[in-house]
C-alpha atoms as a PDB file:
ATOM      1  CA  MET A   1      57.770  33.155 -24.522  1.00  0.00           C
ATOM      2  CA  LYS A   2      60.310  35.275 -26.370  1.00  0.00           C
ATOM      3  CA  PHE A   3      64.036  35.683 -25.677  1.00  0.00           C
ATOM      4  CA  HIS A   4      66.186  38.755 -26.276  1.00  0.00           C
ATOM      5  CA  GLU A   5      69.925  38.057 -26.493  1.00  0.00           C
ATOM      6  CA  LEU A   6      72.851  40.414 -25.865  1.00  0.00           C
ATOM      7  CA  GLY A   7      76.563  39.639 -26.044  1.00  0.00           C
ATOM      8  CA  LYS A   8      78.561  36.803 -27.562  1.00  0.00           C
ATOM      9  CA  LYS A   9      77.160  33.301 -27.253  1.00  0.00           C
ATOM     10  CA  GLU A  10      80.564  31.855 -26.372  1.00  0.00           C
ATOM     11  CA  ASN A  11      80.646  33.923 -23.149  1.00  0.00           C
ATOM     12  CA  PRO A  12      79.204  32.662 -19.832  1.00  0.00           C
ATOM     13  CA  ALA A  13      75.402  32.837 -19.982  1.00  0.00           C
ATOM     14  CA  ILE A  14      73.271  34.923 -17.640  1.00  0.00           C
ATOM     15  CA  MET A  15      69.475  34.819 -17.670  1.00  0.00           C
ATOM     16  CA  MET A  16      67.645  37.801 -16.149  1.00  0.00           C
ATOM     17  CA  ILE A  17      63.914  37.326 -15.485  1.00  0.00           C
ATOM     18  CA  HIS A  18      61.578  40.292 -15.146  1.00  0.00           C
ATOM     19  CA  GLY A  19      58.748  40.702 -12.659  1.00  0.00           C
ATOM     20  CA  GLY A  20      54.989  40.604 -13.124  1.00  0.00           C
ATOM     21  CA  GLY A  21      53.346  43.169 -15.376  1.00  0.00           C
ATOM     22  CA  VAL A  22      56.546  44.492 -16.946  1.00  0.00           C
ATOM     23  CA  ALA A  23      58.778  42.803 -19.564  1.00  0.00           C
ATOM     24  CA  TRP A  24      62.312  42.068 -20.743  1.00  0.00           C
ATOM     25  CA  TRP A  25      63.364  45.726 -20.765  1.00  0.00           C
ATOM     26  CA  THR A  26      63.324  45.794 -16.954  1.00  0.00           C
ATOM     27  CA  TYR A  27      66.941  44.616 -17.049  1.00  0.00           C
ATOM     28  CA  LEU A  28      67.940  46.133 -20.403  1.00  0.00           C
ATOM     29  CA  ARG A  29      70.281  48.806 -19.019  1.00  0.00           C
ATOM     30  CA  GLN A  30      72.060  46.315 -16.775  1.00  0.00           C
ATOM     31  CA  ALA A  31      72.225  43.752 -19.574  1.00  0.00           C
ATOM     32  CA  ARG A  32      73.987  46.143 -21.949  1.00  0.00           C
ATOM     33  CA  VAL A  33      76.779  46.616 -19.428  1.00  0.00           C
ATOM     34  CA  LEU A  34      77.053  42.898 -18.638  1.00  0.00           C
ATOM     35  CA  ALA A  35      77.043  41.980 -22.337  1.00  0.00           C
ATOM     36  CA  ASP A  36      80.718  42.996 -22.576  1.00  0.00           C
ATOM     37  CA  ARG A  37      81.635  39.854 -20.620  1.00  0.00           C
ATOM     38  CA  TYR A  38      78.530  37.657 -20.612  1.00  0.00           C
ATOM     39  CA  TYR A  39      75.930  36.225 -22.964  1.00  0.00           C
ATOM     40  CA  VAL A  40      72.790  37.822 -21.519  1.00  0.00           C
ATOM     41  CA  LEU A  41      69.339  36.297 -22.011  1.00  0.00           C
ATOM     42  CA  LEU A  42      66.262  38.417 -21.327  1.00  0.00           C
ATOM     43  CA  PRO A  43      63.042  36.399 -21.601  1.00  0.00           C
ATOM     44  CA  THR A  44      59.632  37.985 -21.979  1.00  0.00           C
ATOM     45  CA  LEU A  45      57.286  35.783 -19.971  1.00  0.00           C
ATOM     46  CA  ASP A  46      53.967  34.576 -21.332  1.00  0.00           C
ATOM     47  CA  GLY A  47      51.214  37.155 -20.880  1.00  0.00           C
ATOM     48  CA  HIS A  48      53.680  40.057 -20.780  1.00  0.00           C
ATOM     49  CA  GLY A  49      55.088  42.560 -23.266  1.00  0.00           C
ATOM     50  CA  GLU A  50      55.067  41.283 -26.831  1.00  0.00           C
ATOM     51  CA  GLU A  51      53.762  37.941 -25.493  1.00  0.00           C
ATOM     52  CA  PHE A  52      50.636  39.538 -23.975  1.00  0.00           C
ATOM     53  CA  ALA A  53      48.256  37.339 -25.983  1.00  0.00           C
ATOM     54  CA  THR A  54      49.800  34.073 -24.687  1.00  0.00           C
ATOM     55  CA  GLU A  55      48.179  32.821 -21.495  1.00  0.00           C
ATOM     56  CA  TYR A  56      50.304  33.061 -18.360  1.00  0.00           C
ATOM     57  CA  ILE A  57      49.710  29.845 -16.411  1.00  0.00           C
ATOM     58  CA  SER A  58      51.988  29.550 -13.371  1.00  0.00           C
ATOM     59  CA  THR A  59      55.480  29.787 -11.912  1.00  0.00           C
ATOM     60  CA  GLU A  60      56.007  26.074 -12.481  1.00  0.00           C
ATOM     61  CA  ASP A  61      54.810  26.199 -16.096  1.00  0.00           C
ATOM     62  CA  THR A  62      57.152  29.116 -16.765  1.00  0.00           C
ATOM     63  CA  ALA A  63      60.039  27.200 -15.196  1.00  0.00           C
ATOM     64  CA  ASP A  64      59.254  24.241 -17.452  1.00  0.00           C
ATOM     65  CA  LYS A  65      59.606  26.442 -20.542  1.00  0.00           C
ATOM     66  CA  LEU A  66      62.762  28.147 -19.329  1.00  0.00           C
ATOM     67  CA  MET A  67      64.383  24.812 -18.469  1.00  0.00           C
ATOM     68  CA  ASP A  68      63.580  23.571 -21.952  1.00  0.00           C
ATOM     69  CA  TYR A  69      65.231  26.679 -23.443  1.00  0.00           C
ATOM     70  CA  ILE A  70      68.306  26.327 -21.201  1.00  0.00           C
ATOM     71  CA  ASN A  71      68.689  22.657 -22.107  1.00  0.00           C
ATOM     72  CA  ARG A  72      68.361  23.335 -25.832  1.00  0.00           C
ATOM     73  CA  ASN A  73      70.399  26.527 -26.089  1.00  0.00           C
ATOM     74  CA  CYS A  74      72.831  26.576 -23.143  1.00  0.00           C
ATOM     75  CA  ASN A  75      73.720  22.895 -22.714  1.00  0.00           C
ATOM     76  CA  GLY A  76      71.634  22.776 -19.541  1.00  0.00           C
ATOM     77  CA  HIS A  77      73.797  25.237 -17.621  1.00  0.00           C
ATOM     78  CA  LEU A  78      73.946  28.981 -16.933  1.00  0.00           C
ATOM     79  CA  TYR A  79      76.639  30.975 -15.270  1.00  0.00           C
ATOM     80  CA  ALA A  80      74.037  33.033 -13.416  1.00  0.00           C
ATOM     81  CA  LEU A  81      70.309  33.528 -12.906  1.00  0.00           C
ATOM     82  CA  CYS A  82      68.770  36.829 -11.817  1.00  0.00           C
ATOM     83  CA  GLY A  83      65.134  37.654 -11.143  1.00  0.00           C
ATOM     84  CA  VAL A  84      63.051  40.354  -9.508  1.00  0.00           C
ATOM     85  CA  SER A  85      59.689  39.774  -7.793  1.00  0.00           C
ATOM     86  CA  LEU A  86      57.892  37.100  -9.857  1.00  0.00           C
ATOM     87  CA  GLY A  87      61.142  36.587 -11.756  1.00  0.00           C
ATOM     88  CA  GLY A  88      62.958  35.824  -8.521  1.00  0.00           C
ATOM     89  CA  GLN A  89      60.380  33.222  -7.560  1.00  0.00           C
ATOM     90  CA  ILE A  90      60.933  31.599 -10.944  1.00  0.00           C
ATOM     91  CA  VAL A  91      64.689  31.617 -10.236  1.00  0.00           C
ATOM     92  CA  MET A  92      64.067  29.749  -6.963  1.00  0.00           C
ATOM     93  CA  GLU A  93      61.930  27.214  -8.788  1.00  0.00           C
ATOM     94  CA  LEU A  94      64.610  26.700 -11.441  1.00  0.00           C
ATOM     95  CA  LEU A  95      67.344  26.230  -8.844  1.00  0.00           C
ATOM     96  CA  SER A  96      65.226  23.555  -7.171  1.00  0.00           C
ATOM     97  CA  ARG A  97      64.889  21.677 -10.465  1.00  0.00           C
ATOM     98  CA  LYS A  98      68.608  21.069 -11.090  1.00  0.00           C
ATOM     99  CA  ALA A  99      71.332  21.323  -8.451  1.00  0.00           C
ATOM    100  CA  ASP A 100      74.073  22.516 -10.806  1.00  0.00           C
ATOM    101  CA  LEU A 101      71.906  24.692 -13.057  1.00  0.00           C
ATOM    102  CA  ALA A 102      73.810  27.903 -12.234  1.00  0.00           C
ATOM    103  CA  GLU A 103      76.893  29.058 -10.390  1.00  0.00           C
ATOM    104  CA  ARG A 104      75.401  32.337  -9.162  1.00  0.00           C
ATOM    105  CA  ALA A 105      71.870  33.530  -8.484  1.00  0.00           C
ATOM    106  CA  ILE A 106      70.399  36.896  -7.495  1.00  0.00           C
ATOM    107  CA  ILE A 107      66.837  36.863  -6.164  1.00  0.00           C
ATOM    108  CA  ASP A 108      65.275  40.269  -5.603  1.00  0.00           C
ATOM    109  CA  GLY A 109      62.165  40.829  -3.470  1.00  0.00           C
ATOM    110  CA  SER A 110      60.455  37.502  -4.194  1.00  0.00           C
ATOM    111  CA  ILE A 111      57.842  35.653  -2.162  1.00  0.00           C
ATOM    112  CA  CYS A 112      58.374  31.919  -1.658  1.00  0.00           C
ATOM    113  CA  TYR A 113      55.465  30.836   0.563  1.00  0.00           C
ATOM    114  CA  PRO A 114      51.679  31.159   0.209  1.00  0.00           C
ATOM    115  CA  ASN A 115      50.052  34.427   1.265  1.00  0.00           C
ATOM    116  CA  PRO A 116      46.370  33.943   0.314  1.00  0.00           C
ATOM    117  CA  GLY A 117      45.196  37.157   1.942  1.00  0.00           C
ATOM    118  CA  MET A 118      47.558  39.300  -0.097  1.00  0.00           C
ATOM    119  CA  ALA A 119      46.646  37.338  -3.235  1.00  0.00           C
ATOM    120  CA  ARG A 120      42.898  37.807  -2.787  1.00  0.00           C
ATOM    121  CA  PHE A 121      43.353  41.529  -2.141  1.00  0.00           C
ATOM    122  CA  SER A 122      45.561  41.956  -5.220  1.00  0.00           C
ATOM    123  CA  ILE A 123      43.142  40.019  -7.441  1.00  0.00           C
ATOM    124  CA  LEU A 124      40.229  42.131  -6.176  1.00  0.00           C
ATOM    125  CA  ILE A 125      42.120  45.346  -6.979  1.00  0.00           C
ATOM    126  CA  VAL A 126      42.879  44.097 -10.497  1.00  0.00           C
ATOM    127  CA  LYS A 127      39.264  43.074 -11.164  1.00  0.00           C
ATOM    128  CA  VAL A 128      37.726  46.264  -9.824  1.00  0.00           C
ATOM    129  CA  PHE A 129      40.329  48.911 -10.680  1.00  0.00           C
ATOM    130  CA  GLY A 130      42.403  47.275 -13.413  1.00  0.00           C
ATOM    131  CA  TRP A 131      41.158  49.674 -16.084  1.00  0.00           C
ATOM    132  CA  PHE A 132      42.219  52.632 -13.930  1.00  0.00           C
ATOM    133  CA  LEU A 133      45.597  51.257 -12.820  1.00  0.00           C
ATOM    134  CA  PHE A 134      46.902  49.509 -15.924  1.00  0.00           C
ATOM    135  CA  GLY A 135      45.280  51.094 -18.974  1.00  0.00           C
ATOM    136  CA  GLU A 136      47.008  53.389 -21.449  1.00  0.00           C
ATOM    137  CA  LYS A 137      45.797  56.553 -19.705  1.00  0.00           C
ATOM    138  CA  ALA A 138      46.994  55.210 -16.351  1.00  0.00           C
ATOM    139  CA  CYS A 139      50.439  54.465 -17.785  1.00  0.00           C
ATOM    140  CA  ARG A 140      50.661  57.951 -19.254  1.00  0.00           C
ATOM    141  CA  ARG A 141      49.747  59.434 -15.870  1.00  0.00           C
ATOM    142  CA  GLN A 142      52.436  57.340 -14.189  1.00  0.00           C
ATOM    143  CA  MET A 143      55.073  58.600 -16.615  1.00  0.00           C
ATOM    144  CA  LEU A 144      53.919  62.196 -16.058  1.00  0.00           C
ATOM    145  CA  TRP A 145      53.944  61.776 -12.275  1.00  0.00           C
ATOM    146  CA  MET A 146      57.342  60.059 -12.123  1.00  0.00           C
ATOM    147  CA  PRO A 147      59.357  63.333 -11.900  1.00  0.00           C
ATOM    148  CA  LYS A 148      57.184  64.409  -8.975  1.00  0.00           C
ATOM    149  CA  MET A 149      57.169  61.072  -7.151  1.00  0.00           C
ATOM    150  CA  VAL A 150      60.780  59.860  -7.270  1.00  0.00           C
ATOM    151  CA  PRO A 151      64.274  61.425  -7.388  1.00  0.00           C
ATOM    152  CA  GLU A 152      65.671  62.317 -10.802  1.00  0.00           C
ATOM    153  CA  LYS A 153      68.148  59.416 -10.773  1.00  0.00           C
ATOM    154  CA  MET A 154      65.151  57.034 -10.767  1.00  0.00           C
ATOM    155  CA  TRP A 155      63.441  58.497 -13.828  1.00  0.00           C
ATOM    156  CA  TYR A 156      63.129  56.223 -16.833  1.00  0.00           C
ATOM    157  CA  PRO A 157      65.129  57.261 -19.914  1.00  0.00           C
ATOM    158  CA  GLU A 158      63.107  57.828 -23.088  1.00  0.00           C
ATOM    159  CA  GLU A 159      63.845  54.367 -24.454  1.00  0.00           C
ATOM    160  CA  ILE A 160      62.461  52.620 -21.368  1.00  0.00           C
ATOM    161  CA  LYS A 161      59.465  54.991 -21.312  1.00  0.00           C
ATOM    162  CA  THR A 162      58.692  53.948 -24.863  1.00  0.00           C
ATOM    163  CA  TYR A 163      58.828  50.252 -23.987  1.00  0.00           C
ATOM    164  CA  TYR A 164      56.740  50.907 -20.876  1.00  0.00           C
ATOM    165  CA  MET A 165      54.019  52.705 -22.825  1.00  0.00           C
ATOM    166  CA  GLN A 166      54.113  50.071 -25.543  1.00  0.00           C
ATOM    167  CA  ASP A 167      53.836  47.024 -23.275  1.00  0.00           C
ATOM    168  CA  MET A 168      52.148  47.895 -19.995  1.00  0.00           C
ATOM    169  CA  PRO A 169      48.683  48.752 -21.365  1.00  0.00           C
ATOM    170  CA  LYS A 170      48.570  45.383 -23.158  1.00  0.00           C
ATOM    171  CA  VAL A 171      48.806  43.294 -19.978  1.00  0.00           C
ATOM    172  CA  ARG A 172      45.442  41.591 -19.514  1.00  0.00           C
ATOM    173  CA  LYS A 173      43.550  41.176 -16.273  1.00  0.00           C
ATOM    174  CA  VAL A 174      43.626  37.396 -16.672  1.00  0.00           C
ATOM    175  CA  THR A 175      47.432  37.492 -16.771  1.00  0.00           C
ATOM    176  CA  LEU A 176      47.653  39.444 -13.527  1.00  0.00           C
ATOM    177  CA  CYS A 177      45.036  37.273 -11.798  1.00  0.00           C
ATOM    178  CA  ASN A 178      46.739  34.033 -12.858  1.00  0.00           C
ATOM    179  CA  MET A 179      50.061  35.460 -11.736  1.00  0.00           C
ATOM    180  CA  TYR A 180      48.774  36.420  -8.281  1.00  0.00           C
ATOM    181  CA  CYS A 181      47.102  33.005  -7.907  1.00  0.00           C
ATOM    182  CA  THR A 182      50.460  31.280  -8.170  1.00  0.00           C
ATOM    183  CA  TYR A 183      52.998  33.903  -7.101  1.00  0.00           C
ATOM    184  CA  MET A 184      51.143  34.860  -3.919  1.00  0.00           C
ATOM    185  CA  MET A 185      48.454  32.275  -3.236  1.00  0.00           C
ATOM    186  CA  ARG A 186      49.949  28.875  -4.007  1.00  0.00           C
ATOM    187  CA  TYR A 187      53.679  28.853  -4.528  1.00  0.00           C
ATOM    188  CA  THR A 188      55.807  27.108  -1.898  1.00  0.00           C
ATOM    189  CA  LEU A 189      59.588  26.928  -1.942  1.00  0.00           C
ATOM    190  CA  LYS A 190      60.655  23.417  -2.888  1.00  0.00           C
ATOM    191  CA  GLU A 191      62.775  21.353  -0.504  1.00  0.00           C
ATOM    192  CA  ASP A 192      65.100  20.412  -3.363  1.00  0.00           C
ATOM    193  CA  ILE A 193      66.523  23.922  -3.448  1.00  0.00           C
ATOM    194  CA  LYS A 194      68.743  22.817  -0.560  1.00  0.00           C
ATOM    195  CA  ASN A 195      70.675  20.751  -3.130  1.00  0.00           C
ATOM    196  CA  SER A 196      71.561  23.752  -5.279  1.00  0.00           C
ATOM    197  CA  THR A 197      75.277  24.352  -5.668  1.00  0.00           C
ATOM    198  CA  ALA A 198      74.739  27.978  -6.710  1.00  0.00           C
ATOM    199  CA  GLN A 199      75.984  30.844  -4.588  1.00  0.00           C
ATOM    200  CA  ILE A 200      72.820  32.824  -3.894  1.00  0.00           C
ATOM    201  CA  MET A 201      72.158  36.410  -2.913  1.00  0.00           C
ATOM    202  CA  TYR A 202      68.674  37.439  -1.820  1.00  0.00           C
ATOM    203  CA  TRP A 203      68.034  41.187  -2.074  1.00  0.00           C
ATOM    204  CA  TYR A 204      65.126  43.138  -0.674  1.00  0.00           C
ATOM    205  CA  GLY A 205      64.312  46.775  -0.087  1.00  0.00           C
ATOM    206  CA  GLU A 206      64.156  48.117   3.427  1.00  0.00           C
ATOM    207  CA  LYS A 207      60.551  49.212   2.737  1.00  0.00           C
ATOM    208  CA  GLU A 208      59.403  45.825   1.411  1.00  0.00           C
ATOM    209  CA  VAL A 209      56.338  44.108   2.863  1.00  0.00           C
ATOM    210  CA  ARG A 210      56.838  41.603   5.662  1.00  0.00           C
ATOM    211  CA  SER A 211      56.243  38.549   3.452  1.00  0.00           C
ATOM    212  CA  VAL A 212      59.264  39.398   1.304  1.00  0.00           C
ATOM    213  CA  LYS A 213      61.591  39.670   4.307  1.00  0.00           C
ATOM    214  CA  LYS A 214      60.153  36.464   5.728  1.00  0.00           C
ATOM    215  CA  SER A 215      60.825  34.787   2.376  1.00  0.00           C
ATOM    216  CA  ALA A 216      64.485  35.796   2.619  1.00  0.00           C
ATOM    217  CA  ARG A 217      64.753  34.133   6.022  1.00  0.00           C
ATOM    218  CA  LEU A 218      62.926  31.032   4.790  1.00  0.00           C
ATOM    219  CA  LEU A 219      65.285  30.663   1.837  1.00  0.00           C
ATOM    220  CA  LYS A 220      68.267  30.951   4.158  1.00  0.00           C
ATOM    221  CA  THR A 221      66.954  28.102   6.320  1.00  0.00           C
ATOM    222  CA  LYS A 222      66.997  25.904   3.200  1.00  0.00           C
ATOM    223  CA  VAL A 223      70.283  27.262   1.822  1.00  0.00           C
ATOM    224  CA  PRO A 224      72.395  28.446   4.779  1.00  0.00           C
ATOM    225  CA  SER A 225      75.094  29.861   2.484  1.00  0.00           C
ATOM    226  CA  CYS A 226      72.578  32.317   0.990  1.00  0.00           C
ATOM    227  CA  LYS A 227      73.635  35.921   1.579  1.00  0.00           C
ATOM    228  CA  ILE A 228      70.946  38.503   2.326  1.00  0.00           C
ATOM    229  CA  TYR A 229      71.294  42.121   1.226  1.00  0.00           C
ATOM    230  CA  GLU A 230      68.940  44.877   2.387  1.00  0.00           C
ATOM    231  CA  ALA A 231      68.740  47.954   0.139  1.00  0.00           C
ATOM    232  CA  LYS A 232      68.390  50.757   2.667  1.00  0.00           C
ATOM    233  CA  GLY A 233      65.682  53.305   1.973  1.00  0.00           C
ATOM    234  CA  PHE A 234      64.207  51.509  -1.027  1.00  0.00           C
ATOM    235  CA  GLY A 235      60.986  49.694  -1.823  1.00  0.00           C
ATOM    236  CA  HIS A 236      60.049  46.704  -3.959  1.00  0.00           C
ATOM    237  CA  GLY A 237      62.433  46.047  -6.852  1.00  0.00           C
ATOM    238  CA  TYR A 238      63.805  49.598  -6.906  1.00  0.00           C
ATOM    239  CA  LEU A 239      67.369  48.614  -7.813  1.00  0.00           C
ATOM    240  CA  ALA A 240      66.345  46.425 -10.745  1.00  0.00           C
ATOM    241  CA  LEU A 241      63.612  48.733 -12.040  1.00  0.00           C
ATOM    242  CA  TYR A 242      64.931  52.240 -11.446  1.00  0.00           C
ATOM    243  CA  LEU A 243      68.583  52.194 -10.387  1.00  0.00           C
ATOM    244  CA  PRO A 244      70.642  50.087 -12.796  1.00  0.00           C
ATOM    245  CA  GLU A 245      73.963  51.620 -11.752  1.00  0.00           C
ATOM    246  CA  GLU A 246      73.330  50.784  -8.086  1.00  0.00           C
ATOM    247  CA  TRP A 247      72.186  47.293  -9.135  1.00  0.00           C
ATOM    248  CA  LEU A 248      75.408  46.759 -11.063  1.00  0.00           C
ATOM    249  CA  ALA A 249      77.558  48.077  -8.213  1.00  0.00           C
ATOM    250  CA  ILE A 250      76.344  45.187  -6.057  1.00  0.00           C
ATOM    251  CA  ALA A 251      75.828  42.512  -8.705  1.00  0.00           C
ATOM    252  CA  GLU A 252      79.037  42.776 -10.721  1.00  0.00           C
ATOM    253  CA  PRO A 253      81.490  42.078  -7.873  1.00  0.00           C
ATOM    254  CA  PHE A 254      79.319  39.152  -6.797  1.00  0.00           C
ATOM    255  CA  LEU A 255      79.245  37.764 -10.316  1.00  0.00           C
ATOM    256  CA  LYS A 256      83.006  38.211 -10.645  1.00  0.00           C
ATOM    257  CA  GLU A 257      83.650  36.653  -7.225  1.00  0.00           C
ATOM    258  CA  GLU A 258      85.438  39.767  -5.966  1.00  0.00           C
ATOM    259  CA  ILE A 259      83.247  39.794  -2.884  1.00  0.00           C
ATOM    260  CA  PHE A 260      80.568  37.652  -1.291  1.00  0.00           C
ATOM    261  CA  LEU A 261      78.628  39.917   1.022  1.00  0.00           C
ATOM    262  CA  SER A 262      78.075  38.823   4.598  1.00  0.00           C
END
């Protein structure tokens, strides 16, 4: 696992955890803005990006490694945790490990209960069509199709395109299969998350699958103070991945305590 750091270390620390298949640069544009006031940590998870050759094991194993880093480098405490998709599930796991780990948390489109059917389907797609969906040619096609598939404000800038083309083709099938086995098939939200003192926002896109919306409701049963935000008109992880300005418009006031959405 590798960590990219932005901002001054004496500032409040924020860790932002990317989703499955992508890497640290998912949050790079947001992190550069936040780095004026915060010490921003962007991990690259095992099996992803420049860590593609390291085996990805599970959500819990990843949380173990992140907790070790937080204890060694941040005195066991963060100001905030943010995560999208797989990253958000890891945030939930971290919050369940230590009640006062963070003061704020943003969880974006993350599943927190087992969905074996979805996991088996996703693993089958990876095994049969992985070469077509995730290889270098596939990534080039996706970058070529982007202007035709999404509005201009969602296009990746050249820097992010370069990272995308550099990292995405390296993701191995075993990484994706291991990820789906834990993220979708086995992971269950821990009861200890009810002890977390963090103020939590759970975001999801209006067009998300049912299991994501159900996960939001499940988290709220454990942490009644959790605030749920629905991004109207958007799909899975759109704000984090494609719309950094919109992401910041919601996240910054929450992080600065100017508002706490109802």
